Amino acid sequence: MQYYITKSSKEDYPLVSIVVLNYNGKHHLKTCLDSLQRTKYPNTEIILVDNASTDGSVEFVKKNYPNVKIVKLNKNIYTCGGYMAGVLVSRGKYIVILSNDMEVDENWLIPLVEALERMPWVAAADAKYKSFYQRDKFDDTAAAGRWIDYFGNNYTRGVNEVDRGQYNKPSYIIGVITIFRKDVFLKIGGFDLSYIYGYEDIDIGWRLYLAGYKVLYVPQSVIYHKGGASTRVKPHIRRYRPELFYLVKRNRLISLIKNYSVMNMLRALFIAYLEHFLLAWYFFLIGNKVYGLEVVRAMIYPIRNLKKIMVKRAIVQRLRKKSDKEIMKYMVPYSGVIAEFLSRLLKGSYKH
């Protein structure tokens, strides 16, 4: 698929609001904002949402990037809340969501906008995410498109692979965090603020499909990502910090309850709870009590808060225009911890 600039003036291009989330990331901001200002798209606004940083981030941006709109929050409201704060002050037809540890290719935005302009049934799109440190490789978070299996496990294509063009064909995906049609994003309720962090990209994509839209992976758009700078135990280890690990595991269960029809929800929850149970016991058996307890907490939360989640489920289900069967065509059969667990146990190298 080829994309071309064909419009004659700035006003012919739809305004794109680029929301950058920051928390004590002053050391990332120059690389990120410089790349955004080099973007070859003539009609953007850049919004920095600062989650109550204490490292001088806001002062740095005010001094060096006077054209950047700053939303300074009085307390850290984390990922979902921070992004929603930026969306609510944005003016664009389209909204882009970025973190401060990303650098964009100068031609990244045109393919995304043109895809949405040409395909009214597509409500959101993801770029190709490559490693900031090894430019020939995909990163290990978004890479070449994200899906889920029938039980809500995340599947990311191309993680840490060398990019040889093997994933250069646009395709429909589930997980999305890069660009949205603002009107549709708000119509389906935006990010679920109760998630705080983690799985919001899967949940929003799933709800877009429920509402009758699709999500597209656009490989002609390239973004470089440092990955794990603030969310992991160590940058080279994919496992999240304990408190974030808990949220990701918990939010998967919430999404299954909210987004599936009743029978598919019950089937998926059975497998998900079995996986969580096995994972918790594994952590206890190897002496990693902290992570084991976080998995147990994730299992307990939906039970204790079922009434609240069911209210959200009712709201989501009112959006439904597509059946589970239609949406499951864009999922993978299984990508869960049981298969990974058994495989790595046989190799003696399980490090989930």
Protein backbone atom coordinates (compact mmCIF):
# COMPACT_ATOMS: atom_id res chain seq x y z
CA MET A 1 0.00 0.00 0.00
CA GLN A 2 1.40 3.39 -1.01
CA TYR A 3 0.49 6.72 0.58
CA TYR A 4 0.95 10.11 -1.01
CA ILE A 5 0.58 13.75 -0.01
CA THR A 6 -2.02 15.04 -2.45
CA LYS A 7 -3.61 18.01 -0.67
CA SER A 8 -2.56 21.55 -1.48
CA SER A 9 -2.75 23.43 1.84
CA LYS A 10 -2.55 22.89 5.59
CA GLU A 11 -6.28 23.42 6.00
CA ASP A 12 -6.98 20.50 3.66
CA TYR A 13 -5.46 18.11 6.18
CA PRO A 14 -7.54 17.04 9.20
CA LEU A 15 -6.11 18.28 12.49
CA VAL A 16 -4.31 15.57 14.45
CA SER A 17 -3.89 16.01 18.21
CA ILE A 18 -0.78 14.21 19.48
CA VAL A 19 -1.01 13.42 23.20
CA VAL A 20 2.32 12.59 24.88
CA LEU A 21 2.15 11.20 28.39
CA ASN A 22 5.01 12.02 30.75
CA TYR A 23 5.96 11.20 34.32
CA ASN A 24 9.46 12.17 35.42
CA GLY A 25 10.66 11.57 31.88
CA LYS A 26 12.57 14.77 31.24
CA HIS A 27 15.52 12.73 29.91
CA HIS A 28 13.23 11.28 27.19
CA LEU A 29 11.46 14.45 26.11
CA LYS A 30 14.00 16.04 23.79
CA THR A 31 14.22 12.97 21.58
CA CYS A 32 10.45 12.52 21.53
CA LEU A 33 9.42 16.14 20.94
CA ASP A 34 12.19 16.87 18.42
CA SER A 35 11.00 13.93 16.33
CA LEU A 36 7.39 15.10 16.53
CA GLN A 37 8.41 18.55 15.30
CA ARG A 38 10.14 16.96 12.31
CA THR A 39 6.95 15.15 11.35
CA LYS A 40 6.03 15.68 7.69
CA TYR A 41 2.37 16.36 8.31
CA PRO A 42 1.24 19.97 8.22
CA ASN A 43 -1.64 20.14 10.69
CA THR A 44 -0.95 18.91 14.22
CA GLU A 45 -1.13 20.05 17.80
CA ILE A 46 1.15 18.51 20.42
CA ILE A 47 -0.21 18.09 23.94
CA LEU A 48 2.06 17.05 26.80
CA VAL A 49 0.16 15.56 29.73
CA ASP A 50 2.41 15.68 32.77
CA ASN A 51 1.46 13.29 35.57
CA ALA A 52 2.76 15.48 38.44
CA SER A 53 6.45 15.11 37.57
CA THR A 54 9.07 16.33 40.04
CA ASP A 55 12.07 16.30 37.68
CA GLY A 56 11.55 19.66 35.96
CA SER A 57 9.83 18.18 32.90
CA VAL A 58 7.24 20.94 32.62
CA GLU A 59 9.77 23.73 32.97
CA PHE A 60 11.97 22.08 30.32
CA VAL A 61 9.12 21.90 27.82
CA LYS A 62 7.93 25.44 28.52
CA LYS A 63 11.42 26.79 27.88
CA ASN A 64 12.33 24.74 24.82
CA TYR A 65 9.00 23.90 23.13
CA PRO A 66 6.69 26.90 23.46
CA ASN A 67 4.35 25.51 20.80
CA VAL A 68 3.55 22.44 22.92
CA LYS A 69 0.32 22.65 24.92
CA ILE A 70 0.90 21.46 28.48
CA VAL A 71 -1.65 19.79 30.72
CA LYS A 72 -0.05 19.79 34.17
CA LEU A 73 -1.79 17.45 36.59
CA ASN A 74 -1.60 17.91 40.35
CA LYS A 75 -1.25 14.19 40.98
CA ASN A 76 -0.26 11.11 39.04
CA ILE A 77 -3.44 9.63 37.52
CA TYR A 78 -1.44 7.04 35.59
CA THR A 79 -1.84 5.85 32.03
CA CYS A 80 -5.58 5.74 31.39
CA GLY A 81 -6.37 8.90 33.32
CA GLY A 82 -3.45 10.81 31.86
CA TYR A 83 -4.34 9.97 28.28
CA MET A 84 -7.99 10.84 28.83
CA ALA A 85 -6.96 14.23 30.26
CA GLY A 86 -5.14 14.93 26.99
CA VAL A 87 -7.99 13.69 24.82
CA LEU A 88 -10.50 15.94 26.58
CA VAL A 89 -8.56 19.12 25.76
CA SER A 90 -7.67 18.05 22.23
CA ARG A 91 -9.18 19.73 19.16
CA GLY A 92 -8.30 17.26 16.43
CA LYS A 93 -10.44 15.01 14.28
CA TYR A 94 -7.89 12.34 15.13
CA ILE A 95 -6.04 11.75 18.38
CA VAL A 96 -2.63 10.11 18.66
CA ILE A 97 -1.47 8.50 21.90
CA LEU A 98 2.28 8.33 22.56
CA SER A 99 4.52 7.81 25.57
CA ASN A 100 7.57 9.96 26.25
CA ASP A 101 10.04 7.15 25.42
CA MET A 102 9.14 7.06 21.73
CA GLU A 103 10.73 8.59 18.66
CA VAL A 104 8.71 8.85 15.46
CA ASP A 105 9.93 8.54 11.90
CA GLU A 106 9.39 11.81 10.01
CA ASN A 107 6.90 10.12 7.66
CA TRP A 108 5.00 8.22 10.34
CA LEU A 109 1.76 10.19 10.47
CA ILE A 110 0.62 10.48 6.84
CA PRO A 111 0.04 6.72 6.36
CA LEU A 112 -2.05 6.55 9.53
CA VAL A 113 -4.25 9.51 8.65
CA GLU A 114 -4.71 8.47 5.05
CA ALA A 115 -5.73 4.96 6.12
CA LEU A 116 -8.45 6.38 8.36
CA GLU A 117 -9.54 8.91 5.74
CA ARG A 118 -9.89 6.21 3.08
CA MET A 119 -11.48 3.54 5.28
CA PRO A 120 -14.48 4.89 7.23
CA TRP A 121 -15.03 1.46 8.82
CA VAL A 122 -11.60 1.69 10.50
CA ALA A 123 -11.80 3.64 13.76
CA ALA A 124 -8.22 3.27 14.95
CA ALA A 125 -4.80 2.16 13.74
CA ASP A 126 -1.44 1.07 15.08
CA ALA A 127 1.99 1.78 13.65
CA LYS A 128 4.92 -0.59 13.27
CA TYR A 129 6.89 -0.37 16.53
CA LYS A 130 10.63 -0.94 16.32
CA SER A 131 13.35 -0.94 18.95
CA PHE A 132 14.88 2.45 19.70
CA TYR A 133 18.20 0.76 20.47
CA GLN A 134 18.31 -1.80 17.65
CA ARG A 135 16.70 -0.07 14.72
CA ASP A 136 16.53 -3.14 12.52
CA LYS A 137 14.43 -5.04 15.07
CA PHE A 138 10.85 -4.88 16.28
CA ASP A 139 10.31 -3.85 19.88
CA ASP A 140 8.90 -6.27 22.45
CA THR A 141 5.65 -4.53 23.34
CA ALA A 142 3.68 -3.61 20.21
CA ALA A 143 5.97 -4.80 17.36
CA ALA A 144 4.03 -5.77 14.22
CA GLY A 145 0.48 -5.85 15.51
CA ARG A 146 -1.34 -7.18 18.56
CA TRP A 147 -4.16 -9.65 18.91
CA ILE A 148 -5.71 -11.67 21.72
CA ASP A 149 -6.66 -15.31 21.81
CA TYR A 150 -10.18 -16.53 22.63
CA PHE A 151 -9.36 -16.32 26.34
CA GLY A 152 -7.93 -12.82 26.42
CA ASN A 153 -4.23 -13.64 26.29
CA ASN A 154 -2.18 -11.09 24.42
CA TYR A 155 -0.41 -12.14 21.23
CA THR A 156 2.16 -9.75 19.75
CA ARG A 157 3.60 -10.50 16.34
CA GLY A 158 7.28 -10.12 15.53
CA VAL A 159 8.61 -9.48 19.03
CA ASN A 160 12.38 -8.86 18.87
CA GLU A 161 12.56 -10.17 15.30
CA VAL A 162 14.69 -8.46 12.66
CA ASP A 163 12.41 -6.47 10.37
CA ARG A 164 12.94 -7.91 6.91
CA GLY A 165 9.63 -6.72 5.57
CA GLN A 166 7.87 -9.92 6.61
CA TYR A 167 5.04 -7.94 8.25
CA ASN A 168 4.69 -5.16 5.70
CA LYS A 169 1.11 -5.98 4.77
CA PRO A 170 -1.66 -4.00 6.51
CA SER A 171 -3.89 -6.25 8.61
CA TYR A 172 -6.76 -6.03 11.06
CA ILE A 173 -5.68 -6.28 14.71
CA ILE A 174 -7.26 -6.00 18.18
CA GLY A 175 -4.82 -4.06 20.38
CA VAL A 176 -4.45 -0.39 19.49
CA ILE A 177 -2.87 2.64 21.12
CA THR A 178 -1.59 4.89 18.31
CA ILE A 179 -4.35 6.81 16.52
CA PHE A 180 -8.14 7.02 16.91
CA ARG A 181 -11.10 8.80 15.40
CA LYS A 182 -11.87 11.12 18.30
CA ASP A 183 -15.65 11.05 17.87
CA VAL A 184 -15.80 7.24 17.87
CA PHE A 185 -13.29 6.99 20.73
CA LEU A 186 -15.51 9.18 22.91
CA LYS A 187 -18.73 7.52 21.73
CA ILE A 188 -17.61 4.17 23.12
CA GLY A 189 -16.45 5.76 26.38
CA GLY A 190 -12.71 6.14 25.83
CA PHE A 191 -10.29 4.30 28.09
CA ASP A 192 -11.75 2.61 31.16
CA LEU A 193 -10.25 4.70 33.96
CA SER A 194 -10.56 1.86 36.46
CA TYR A 195 -7.87 -0.04 34.54
CA ILE A 196 -5.27 2.53 35.67
CA TYR A 197 -2.55 0.81 33.64
CA GLY A 198 -2.41 -2.17 31.34
CA TYR A 199 -4.76 -3.90 28.90
CA GLU A 200 -6.48 -0.63 28.02
CA ASP A 201 -5.20 -1.04 24.46
CA ILE A 202 -6.89 -4.45 24.11
CA ASP A 203 -10.09 -3.35 25.82
CA ILE A 204 -10.54 -0.27 23.62
CA GLY A 205 -9.87 -2.25 20.45
CA TRP A 206 -12.33 -4.94 21.48
CA ARG A 207 -15.03 -2.35 22.16
CA LEU A 208 -14.43 -0.75 18.77
CA TYR A 209 -15.12 -4.11 17.12
CA LEU A 210 -18.25 -4.53 19.24
CA ALA A 211 -19.44 -1.14 18.01
CA GLY A 212 -19.03 -2.25 14.39
CA TYR A 213 -15.62 -0.79 13.55
CA LYS A 214 -12.24 -2.32 12.80
CA VAL A 215 -8.65 -1.64 13.86
CA LEU A 216 -5.81 -1.61 11.34
CA TYR A 217 -2.07 -2.27 11.54
CA VAL A 218 -0.31 0.19 9.19
CA PRO A 219 3.31 -0.92 8.66
CA GLN A 220 4.23 2.12 6.56
CA SER A 221 4.12 4.12 9.81
CA VAL A 222 7.20 3.53 11.98
CA ILE A 223 7.72 4.45 15.62
CA TYR A 224 10.84 3.65 17.67
CA HIS A 225 10.24 2.64 21.27
CA LYS A 226 12.67 2.38 24.17
CA GLY A 227 10.32 -0.06 25.87
CA GLY A 228 10.06 -0.89 29.56
CA ALA A 229 11.93 2.16 30.79
CA SER A 230 9.47 2.78 33.62
CA THR A 231 7.27 -0.30 33.82
CA ARG A 232 9.56 -3.29 34.20
CA VAL A 233 11.79 -4.80 36.84
CA LYS A 234 14.67 -4.32 34.39
CA PRO A 235 14.41 -2.99 30.81
CA HIS A 236 15.61 -6.26 29.25
CA ILE A 237 13.13 -8.40 31.24
CA ARG A 238 9.59 -8.38 29.86
CA ARG A 239 7.89 -8.98 33.22
CA TYR A 240 6.27 -5.87 34.70
CA ARG A 241 6.92 -4.48 38.14
CA PRO A 242 4.72 -6.32 40.71
CA GLU A 243 2.04 -3.63 41.05
CA LEU A 244 1.71 -3.31 37.27
CA PHE A 245 1.80 -7.08 36.81
CA TYR A 246 -1.24 -7.24 39.08
CA LEU A 247 -3.11 -4.64 37.03
CA VAL A 248 -2.45 -6.38 33.72
CA LYS A 249 -3.65 -9.74 35.08
CA ARG A 250 -6.68 -8.15 36.75
CA ASN A 251 -7.69 -6.06 33.74
CA ARG A 252 -7.66 -9.09 31.45
CA LEU A 253 -10.33 -10.69 33.64
CA ILE A 254 -12.40 -7.49 33.69
CA SER A 255 -12.26 -7.26 29.90
CA LEU A 256 -13.52 -10.81 29.48
CA ILE A 257 -16.51 -10.01 31.71
CA LYS A 258 -17.30 -6.71 29.99
CA ASN A 259 -16.89 -7.61 26.35
CA TYR A 260 -17.99 -11.21 25.75
CA SER A 261 -21.50 -12.62 25.52
CA VAL A 262 -22.49 -14.74 28.52
CA MET A 263 -21.48 -18.23 27.36
CA ASN A 264 -18.18 -17.14 25.84
CA MET A 265 -17.47 -15.08 28.94
CA LEU A 266 -17.92 -18.12 31.20
CA ARG A 267 -15.73 -20.33 29.00
CA ALA A 268 -12.99 -17.72 28.79
CA LEU A 269 -13.07 -16.99 32.52
CA PHE A 270 -12.71 -20.69 33.32
CA ILE A 271 -9.50 -20.91 31.29
CA ALA A 272 -8.23 -17.53 32.52
CA TYR A 273 -8.73 -18.45 36.17
CA LEU A 274 -7.08 -21.82 35.59
CA GLU A 275 -4.08 -20.06 34.06
CA HIS A 276 -3.91 -17.58 36.92
CA PHE A 277 -4.15 -20.40 39.47
CA LEU A 278 -1.29 -22.32 37.87
CA LEU A 279 0.82 -19.21 37.52
CA ALA A 280 0.31 -18.22 41.16
CA TRP A 281 1.34 -21.69 42.33
CA TYR A 282 4.38 -21.61 40.08
CA PHE A 283 5.56 -18.36 41.65
CA PHE A 284 4.98 -19.76 45.16
CA LEU A 285 6.87 -22.96 44.32
CA ILE A 286 9.93 -21.08 43.08
CA GLY A 287 9.86 -18.80 46.12
CA ASN A 288 8.62 -15.67 44.34
CA LYS A 289 5.89 -14.88 46.83
CA VAL A 290 5.46 -11.27 45.69
CA TYR A 291 4.33 -12.15 42.18
CA GLY A 292 2.28 -15.10 43.39
CA LEU A 293 0.29 -12.83 45.69
CA GLU A 294 -0.24 -10.30 42.91
CA VAL A 295 -1.81 -13.01 40.75
CA VAL A 296 -4.07 -14.04 43.66
CA ARG A 297 -5.10 -10.39 44.12
CA ALA A 298 -5.96 -10.21 40.43
CA MET A 299 -8.17 -13.30 40.77
CA ILE A 300 -10.01 -11.94 43.80
CA TYR A 301 -10.73 -8.45 42.44
CA PRO A 302 -13.48 -9.37 39.91
CA ILE A 303 -15.25 -11.49 42.53
CA ARG A 304 -15.30 -8.69 45.09
CA ASN A 305 -16.23 -6.06 42.52
CA LEU A 306 -18.55 -8.08 40.29
CA LYS A 307 -21.54 -5.75 40.70
CA LYS A 308 -19.51 -2.73 39.57
CA ILE A 309 -18.05 -4.62 36.63
CA MET A 310 -21.47 -5.88 35.57
CA VAL A 311 -22.74 -2.30 35.40
CA LYS A 312 -19.90 -1.51 33.00
CA ARG A 313 -20.66 -4.69 31.08
CA ALA A 314 -24.25 -3.54 30.55
CA ILE A 315 -23.02 -0.24 29.10
CA VAL A 316 -20.55 -1.99 26.79
CA GLN A 317 -23.09 -4.54 25.60
CA ARG A 318 -25.46 -1.76 24.56
CA LEU A 319 -22.83 -0.78 22.00
CA ARG A 320 -22.86 -4.23 20.44
CA LYS A 321 -23.39 -4.40 16.68
CA LYS A 322 -21.21 -7.45 16.02
CA SER A 323 -21.48 -10.96 17.41
CA ASP A 324 -18.67 -12.70 19.24
CA LYS A 325 -18.34 -15.04 16.27
CA GLU A 326 -17.67 -12.13 13.92
CA ILE A 327 -15.10 -10.58 16.27
CA MET A 328 -13.34 -13.87 17.02
CA LYS A 329 -12.26 -14.00 13.37
CA TYR A 330 -9.70 -11.37 14.38
CA MET A 331 -8.43 -13.34 17.40
CA VAL A 332 -5.99 -16.24 17.57
CA PRO A 333 -7.08 -19.62 19.01
CA TYR A 334 -4.64 -19.81 21.96
CA SER A 335 -1.60 -17.88 23.12
CA GLY A 336 -1.76 -18.46 26.85
CA VAL A 337 0.36 -19.24 29.83
CA ILE A 338 -0.47 -22.95 29.98
CA ALA A 339 1.22 -23.69 26.66
CA GLU A 340 4.12 -21.39 27.52
CA PHE A 341 4.35 -22.81 31.02
CA LEU A 342 4.59 -26.42 29.83
CA SER A 343 6.99 -25.56 27.05
CA ARG A 344 9.40 -23.72 29.31
CA LEU A 345 9.17 -26.29 32.10
CA LEU A 346 10.26 -28.93 29.63
CA LYS A 347 13.22 -26.70 28.73
CA GLY A 348 13.84 -25.83 32.39
CA SER A 349 13.73 -22.09 31.68
CA TYR A 350 10.36 -20.68 32.74
CA LYS A 351 10.74 -16.98 33.66
CA HIS A 352 7.24 -15.55 33.08
